[in-house]
Protein backbone atom coordinates (compact mmCIF):
# COMPACT_ATOMS: atom_id res chain seq x y z
CA UNK A 1 0.00 0.00 0.00
CA UNK A 2 1.40 3.33 -1.01
CA UNK A 3 1.49 6.39 1.12
CA UNK A 4 -1.45 7.87 -0.74
CA UNK A 5 -3.47 4.69 -0.13
CA UNK A 6 -3.16 4.87 3.66
CA UNK A 7 -6.31 5.87 5.51
CA UNK A 8 -6.36 9.42 6.75
CA UNK A 9 -6.13 9.85 10.49
CA UNK A 10 -8.37 12.30 12.31
CA UNK A 11 -6.41 14.88 14.27
CA UNK A 12 -7.59 16.78 17.29
CA UNK A 13 -7.71 20.07 15.45
CA UNK A 14 -9.91 18.50 12.77
CA UNK A 15 -12.64 17.73 15.29
CA UNK A 16 -15.97 19.47 14.72
CA UNK A 17 -16.53 22.64 16.73
CA UNK A 18 -18.36 22.38 20.01
CA UNK A 19 -22.11 22.98 19.76
CA UNK A 20 -23.28 26.56 20.22
CA UNK A 21 -24.74 26.33 23.72
CA UNK A 22 -27.05 29.00 25.13
CA UNK A 23 -24.64 29.96 27.90
CA UNK A 24 -21.96 30.73 25.30
CA UNK A 25 -24.13 33.64 24.19
CA UNK A 26 -24.70 34.92 27.74
CA UNK A 27 -22.84 38.23 27.74
CA UNK A 28 -22.91 41.52 29.62
CA UNK A 29 -26.26 42.60 28.16
CA UNK A 30 -27.90 39.40 29.36
CA UNK A 31 -26.32 39.79 32.80
CA UNK A 32 -27.70 43.33 33.03
CA UNK A 33 -31.16 42.09 32.01
CA UNK A 34 -31.09 39.41 34.74
CA UNK A 35 -30.03 41.98 37.35
CA UNK A 36 -32.86 44.33 36.33
CA UNK A 37 -35.39 41.51 36.50
CA UNK A 38 -34.18 40.53 39.99
CA UNK A 39 -34.40 44.16 41.12
CA UNK A 40 -38.02 44.34 39.92
CA UNK A 41 -38.94 41.05 41.62
CA UNK A 42 -37.35 41.96 44.95
CA UNK A 43 -38.04 45.69 44.85
CA UNK A 44 -40.12 45.53 48.05
CA UNK A 45 -37.45 44.08 50.39
CA UNK A 46 -34.77 46.20 48.73
CA UNK A 47 -36.78 49.41 49.21
CA UNK A 48 -37.45 48.53 52.85
CA UNK A 49 -33.75 47.95 53.50
CA UNK A 50 -32.77 51.21 51.79
CA UNK A 51 -35.32 53.15 53.86
CA UNK A 52 -33.62 51.95 57.05
CA UNK A 53 -30.25 53.43 56.00
CA UNK A 54 -30.35 57.21 55.38
CA UNK A 55 -26.93 57.33 53.70
CA UNK A 56 -27.86 54.52 51.32
CA UNK A 57 -31.17 56.26 50.61
CA UNK A 58 -29.34 59.47 49.69
CA UNK A 59 -26.86 57.53 47.55
CA UNK A 60 -29.67 55.77 45.69
CA UNK A 61 -31.54 59.03 45.11
CA UNK A 62 -28.51 60.74 43.57
CA UNK A 63 -27.60 57.68 41.47
CA UNK A 64 -31.11 57.18 40.11
CA UNK A 65 -31.59 60.88 39.34
CA UNK A 66 -28.38 61.02 37.32
CA UNK A 67 -29.25 57.84 35.42
CA UNK A 68 -32.85 58.85 34.67
CA UNK A 69 -31.83 62.26 33.34
CA UNK A 70 -28.87 61.03 31.30
CA UNK A 71 -30.08 57.74 29.79
CA UNK A 72 -32.43 59.19 27.11
CA UNK A 73 -29.63 61.37 25.76
CA UNK A 74 -27.21 58.46 25.79
CA UNK A 75 -29.55 56.13 23.86
CA UNK A 76 -30.55 58.81 21.34
CA UNK A 77 -26.94 59.85 20.79
CA UNK A 78 -25.73 56.28 20.30
CA UNK A 79 -28.47 55.58 17.74
CA UNK A 80 -27.75 58.72 15.72
CA UNK A 81 -24.02 58.10 15.88
CA UNK A 82 -24.55 54.57 14.51
CA UNK A 83 -26.69 55.92 11.66
CA UNK A 84 -23.98 58.38 10.64
CA UNK A 85 -21.15 55.87 11.05
CA UNK A 86 -22.90 53.20 8.96
CA UNK A 87 -24.90 55.06 6.33
CA UNK A 88 -22.74 58.13 5.61
CA UNK A 89 -19.83 57.21 3.27
CA UNK A 90 -16.45 57.73 4.85
CA UNK A 91 -15.14 59.36 1.69
CA UNK A 92 -17.59 62.22 2.31
CA UNK A 93 -15.42 63.63 5.10
CA UNK A 94 -12.26 63.76 2.98
CA UNK A 95 -14.12 65.54 0.16
CA UNK A 96 -15.75 68.03 2.51
CA UNK A 97 -12.51 69.31 4.06
CA UNK A 98 -10.19 71.93 2.53
CA UNK A 99 -6.95 70.67 1.03
CA UNK A 100 -4.78 73.04 3.08
CA UNK A 101 -4.11 71.44 6.49
CA UNK A 102 -4.28 74.73 8.43
CA UNK A 103 -7.74 75.44 7.00
CA UNK A 104 -8.89 71.84 7.40
CA UNK A 105 -8.40 71.99 11.18
CA UNK A 106 -11.14 74.56 11.99
CA UNK A 107 -13.50 73.04 9.40
CA UNK A 108 -13.01 69.57 10.88
CA UNK A 109 -13.56 70.99 14.37
CA UNK A 110 -16.86 72.57 13.35
CA UNK A 111 -17.86 69.35 11.55
CA UNK A 112 -18.19 67.81 14.99
CA UNK A 113 -21.58 69.51 15.21
CA UNK A 114 -23.03 66.96 12.77
CA UNK A 115 -21.92 63.91 14.76
CA UNK A 116 -24.37 63.35 17.63
CA UNK A 117 -22.34 60.81 19.54
CA UNK A 118 -19.96 60.36 22.42
CA UNK A 119 -16.18 60.18 22.50
CA UNK A 120 -16.33 56.37 22.25
CA UNK A 121 -17.28 56.74 18.58
CA UNK A 122 -14.98 59.64 17.74
CA UNK A 123 -11.75 57.62 18.04
CA UNK A 124 -12.57 54.98 15.37
CA UNK A 125 -14.11 57.66 13.15
CA UNK A 126 -10.91 59.73 13.40
CA UNK A 127 -8.98 56.62 12.43
CA UNK A 128 -11.18 56.06 9.38
CA UNK A 129 -10.70 59.72 8.38
CA UNK A 130 -6.95 59.20 8.39
CA UNK A 131 -7.33 56.04 6.34
CA UNK A 132 -9.24 58.09 3.77
CA UNK A 133 -6.41 60.59 3.44
CA UNK A 134 -7.51 63.31 5.85
CA UNK A 135 -4.53 65.05 7.44
CA UNK A 136 -3.98 63.79 11.02
CA UNK A 137 -4.25 67.34 12.43
CA UNK A 138 -7.79 67.72 11.07
CA UNK A 139 -8.81 64.21 12.15
CA UNK A 140 -7.53 64.85 15.67
CA UNK A 141 -9.35 68.19 15.85
CA UNK A 142 -12.53 66.38 14.85
CA UNK A 143 -11.84 63.70 17.48
CA UNK A 144 -11.68 66.33 20.24
CA UNK A 145 -14.53 68.57 19.09
CA UNK A 146 -17.21 66.06 18.07
CA UNK A 147 -18.04 64.66 21.54
CA UNK A 148 -18.37 68.13 23.08
CA UNK A 149 -20.07 70.42 20.56
CA UNK A 150 -22.65 68.13 18.97
CA UNK A 151 -26.32 69.07 19.49
CA UNK A 152 -27.13 66.11 21.75
CA UNK A 153 -24.40 67.04 24.25
CA UNK A 154 -25.24 70.74 24.18
CA UNK A 155 -28.95 69.99 24.67
CA UNK A 156 -28.15 67.71 27.59
CA UNK A 157 -26.03 70.49 29.08
CA UNK A 158 -28.91 72.94 28.75
CA UNK A 159 -31.26 70.49 30.49
CA UNK A 160 -28.75 69.85 33.29
CA UNK A 161 -28.14 73.59 33.85
CA UNK A 162 -31.56 75.20 33.21
CA UNK A 163 -30.66 78.33 35.19
CA UNK A 164 -27.24 78.79 33.58
CA UNK A 165 -27.60 78.93 29.78
CA UNK A 166 -24.14 80.46 29.59
CA UNK A 167 -22.77 77.02 30.52
CA UNK A 168 -23.87 75.76 27.10
CA UNK A 169 -22.13 78.66 25.34
CA UNK A 170 -19.01 78.27 27.44
CA UNK A 171 -18.79 74.54 26.81
CA UNK A 172 -19.24 74.88 23.08
CA UNK A 173 -16.81 77.77 22.64
CA UNK A 174 -14.08 76.39 24.92
CA UNK A 175 -14.26 72.90 23.41
CA UNK A 176 -14.11 74.25 19.87
CA UNK A 177 -11.11 76.45 20.66
CA UNK A 178 -9.26 73.60 22.39
CA UNK A 179 -9.83 71.31 19.40
CA UNK A 180 -8.49 73.90 16.94
CA UNK A 181 -5.48 74.74 19.12
CA UNK A 182 -4.56 71.06 19.44
CA UNK A 183 -4.94 70.55 15.69
CA UNK A 184 -2.68 73.48 14.90
CA UNK A 185 -0.19 72.34 17.55
CA UNK A 186 -0.03 68.94 15.88
CA UNK A 187 0.64 70.62 12.53
CA UNK A 188 3.48 72.58 14.10
CA UNK A 189 5.00 70.09 16.52
CA UNK A 190 3.63 66.64 15.68
CA UNK A 191 5.69 63.97 13.94
CA UNK A 192 4.40 61.15 11.78
CA UNK A 193 6.55 58.59 13.60
CA UNK A 194 4.63 59.37 16.81
CA UNK A 195 1.35 58.09 15.42
CA UNK A 196 0.50 54.62 14.19
CA UNK A 197 -1.82 55.02 11.25
CA UNK A 198 -4.88 52.82 11.82
CA UNK A 199 -5.65 50.07 9.32
CA UNK A 200 -8.65 48.41 10.97
CA UNK A 201 -11.81 48.47 8.81
CA UNK A 202 -15.02 49.35 10.66
CA UNK A 203 -17.77 46.77 10.25
CA UNK A 204 -16.89 46.29 6.59
CA UNK A 205 -17.97 42.65 6.42
CA UNK A 206 -21.49 43.27 7.75
CA UNK A 207 -24.63 44.43 6.03
CA UNK A 208 -25.74 47.95 6.87
CA UNK A 209 -28.55 46.74 9.10
CA UNK A 210 -26.32 44.36 11.06
CA UNK A 211 -23.57 46.98 11.21
CA UNK A 212 -26.04 49.49 12.65
CA UNK A 213 -27.16 47.17 15.45
CA UNK A 214 -23.60 46.02 16.12
CA UNK A 215 -22.51 49.64 16.45
CA UNK A 216 -25.45 50.45 18.77
CA UNK A 217 -24.80 47.39 20.91
CA UNK A 218 -21.09 48.14 21.23
CA UNK A 219 -21.55 51.83 22.06
CA UNK A 220 -24.42 51.40 24.50
CA UNK A 221 -22.51 48.71 26.44
CA UNK A 222 -19.33 50.75 26.66
CA UNK A 223 -20.85 54.22 27.12
CA UNK A 224 -23.62 52.91 29.38
CA UNK A 225 -21.13 51.12 31.59
CA UNK A 226 -19.08 54.26 32.07
CA UNK A 227 -22.27 56.23 32.76
CA UNK A 228 -23.18 53.81 35.55
CA UNK A 229 -19.69 54.13 37.02
CA UNK A 230 -19.87 57.91 36.78
CA UNK A 231 -23.29 58.04 38.45
CA UNK A 232 -22.03 55.74 41.21
CA UNK A 233 -18.96 57.92 41.72
CA UNK A 234 -21.06 61.10 41.85
CA UNK A 235 -23.43 59.53 44.38
CA UNK A 236 -20.51 58.27 46.46
CA UNK A 237 -18.86 61.71 46.48
CA UNK A 238 -22.10 63.28 47.66
CA UNK A 239 -22.51 60.72 50.48
CA UNK A 240 -19.07 59.60 51.64
CA UNK A 241 -16.94 62.74 51.31
CA UNK A 242 -17.71 65.15 54.18
CA UNK A 243 -19.38 68.36 53.09
CA UNK A 244 -16.71 70.36 54.90
CA UNK A 245 -13.97 68.77 52.78
CA UNK A 246 -15.78 69.40 49.53
CA UNK A 247 -16.66 72.93 50.55
CA UNK A 248 -13.08 73.79 51.53
CA UNK A 249 -11.86 72.43 48.20
CA UNK A 250 -14.64 74.20 46.28
CA UNK A 251 -13.93 77.49 48.04
CA UNK A 252 -10.42 77.56 46.59
CA UNK A 253 -10.85 78.70 42.96
CA UNK A 254 -7.52 77.24 41.81
CA UNK A 255 -7.75 73.89 43.61
CA UNK A 256 -11.37 73.40 42.54
CA UNK A 257 -10.40 73.76 38.87
CA UNK A 258 -7.60 71.20 39.11
CA UNK A 259 -9.71 68.87 41.26
CA UNK A 260 -12.57 68.66 38.77
CA UNK A 261 -10.16 68.37 35.82
CA UNK A 262 -8.58 65.30 37.42
CA UNK A 263 -12.00 63.99 38.43
CA UNK A 264 -13.15 64.21 34.80
CA UNK A 265 -10.16 62.11 33.73
CA UNK A 266 -10.78 59.48 36.39
CA UNK A 267 -14.57 59.16 36.06
CA UNK A 268 -14.49 58.69 32.26
CA UNK A 269 -18.17 59.59 31.83
CA UNK A 270 -19.78 59.65 28.39
CA UNK A 271 -20.09 63.23 27.09
CA UNK A 272 -23.84 62.79 26.62
CA UNK A 273 -24.25 62.24 30.36
CA UNK A 274 -21.44 64.15 32.08
CA UNK A 275 -23.46 67.38 32.36
CA UNK A 276 -25.85 65.73 34.83
CA UNK A 277 -22.95 64.54 36.97
CA UNK A 278 -21.43 68.04 36.85
CA UNK A 279 -24.75 69.55 37.88
CA UNK A 280 -24.84 67.27 40.94
CA UNK A 281 -21.47 68.68 42.11
CA UNK A 282 -23.21 71.84 43.27
CA UNK A 283 -20.54 72.67 45.86
CA UNK A 284 -18.16 73.70 43.09
CA UNK A 285 -18.16 76.90 41.08
CA UNK A 286 -19.55 77.09 37.57
CA UNK A 287 -16.03 77.69 36.24
CA UNK A 288 -14.64 74.51 37.76
CA UNK A 289 -17.65 72.55 36.51
CA UNK A 290 -17.08 73.99 33.04
CA UNK A 291 -13.52 72.65 33.22
CA UNK A 292 -15.01 69.26 34.12
CA UNK A 293 -17.25 69.38 31.03
CA UNK A 294 -14.49 70.46 28.65
CA UNK A 295 -11.79 68.10 29.87
CA UNK A 296 -13.94 64.96 30.19
CA UNK A 297 -14.81 64.39 26.50
CA UNK A 298 -11.19 65.03 25.48
CA UNK A 299 -9.07 63.30 28.11
CA UNK A 300 -10.17 60.40 30.30
CA UNK A 301 -9.01 56.89 31.08
CA UNK A 302 -11.15 55.13 28.48
CA UNK A 303 -10.09 57.61 25.77
CA UNK A 304 -6.42 57.17 26.58
CA UNK A 305 -6.79 53.40 26.32
CA UNK A 306 -8.74 53.67 23.05
CA UNK A 307 -6.22 56.09 21.56
CA UNK A 308 -3.40 53.77 22.59
CA UNK A 309 -5.08 50.86 20.84
CA UNK A 310 -5.86 52.78 17.64
CA UNK A 311 -2.91 55.18 17.28
CA UNK A 312 -0.22 53.62 19.50
CA UNK A 313 1.35 54.35 22.87
CA UNK A 314 3.83 56.93 21.56
CA UNK A 315 0.92 59.04 20.37
CA UNK A 316 -1.35 58.64 23.40
CA UNK A 317 1.37 59.38 25.96
CA UNK A 318 2.12 62.69 24.22
CA UNK A 319 -1.33 63.74 23.03
CA UNK A 320 -3.36 63.09 26.21
CA UNK A 321 -1.22 65.09 28.70
CA UNK A 322 -0.92 68.01 26.28
CA UNK A 323 -4.67 68.04 25.70
CA UNK A 324 -5.29 67.97 29.45
CA UNK A 325 -3.14 71.05 30.04
CA UNK A 326 -4.59 73.01 27.10
CA UNK A 327 -8.21 72.06 27.89
CA UNK A 328 -7.89 72.93 31.58
CA UNK A 329 -6.27 76.31 30.89
CA UNK A 330 -8.64 77.40 28.12
CA UNK A 331 -11.77 76.17 29.94
CA UNK A 332 -10.75 78.01 33.13
CA UNK A 333 -10.10 81.16 31.11
CA UNK A 334 -13.46 80.85 29.35
CA UNK A 335 -15.23 80.31 32.66
CA UNK A 336 -13.55 83.33 34.21
CA UNK A 337 -14.73 85.48 31.31
CA UNK A 338 -18.30 84.14 31.16
CA UNK A 339 -19.12 83.73 34.85
CA UNK A 340 -17.30 86.75 36.26
């Protein structure tokens, strides 16, 4: 018997794949659904226990109020962002921008108005802009401006600060100026070897309908998770930290600005919901809360990690600290001019 006549042997890696069991599809969305169902079933005992603990009752009130106010804006923004990301051709952005890089930066910054989404979607979109030939300075300006000046975020800010309409103006103006300054700084000081040009296609192998729902599912899980963490942090600050500590920090105009800038980086709240968290920090001045709203959509922990994954560590470790300094300084200056 020749070698070719020998019977083929079945190897381990040739074995058929394991059957698709139901628990293999049990992800974070399903876990959240189970938790919500359990909360509804046991709402009576839970409410009774909360009523016995005043601090827990206060914590729950703050947490629920932030979530209830922010969630409609988050869902609406994610849906509109998915529509634009899936159904608007990527080549449109390259054709719409001026050829001169210095002129493309302010145009790209203003183009953020038409992207009703959070910063979670701006990073991959900026990467796709670069893949389509848009100058990195313009793409980065768009990345910074889009999460802060789009109509969903500005409307949410107006709802969160009904008695301070100047907060909406201050947030829009300061964010737009920071985005343009950072774009021009990249033109002047940035080097191509600092940035890893992204080559990952976005949902190219899916139909438009499936790509839309995949984009919505991804964004709502990520942005919603950070919203929950932000609401929990805001509630915890209001309950755990003594009012005297917060008040002494808030009474110092310089320390309050730096404190809320760092808090914005650490909380990593979606830009469609951060205004409601900022409004709950009523001990702090409007200027320091404006800094919180300008810094958050541009520099936070989730953005740094996303930028590292898309553009590389050499880029993120230079771009994020510079953006933090510029955003804090310009937002504080804007607040001093508007609220004085």
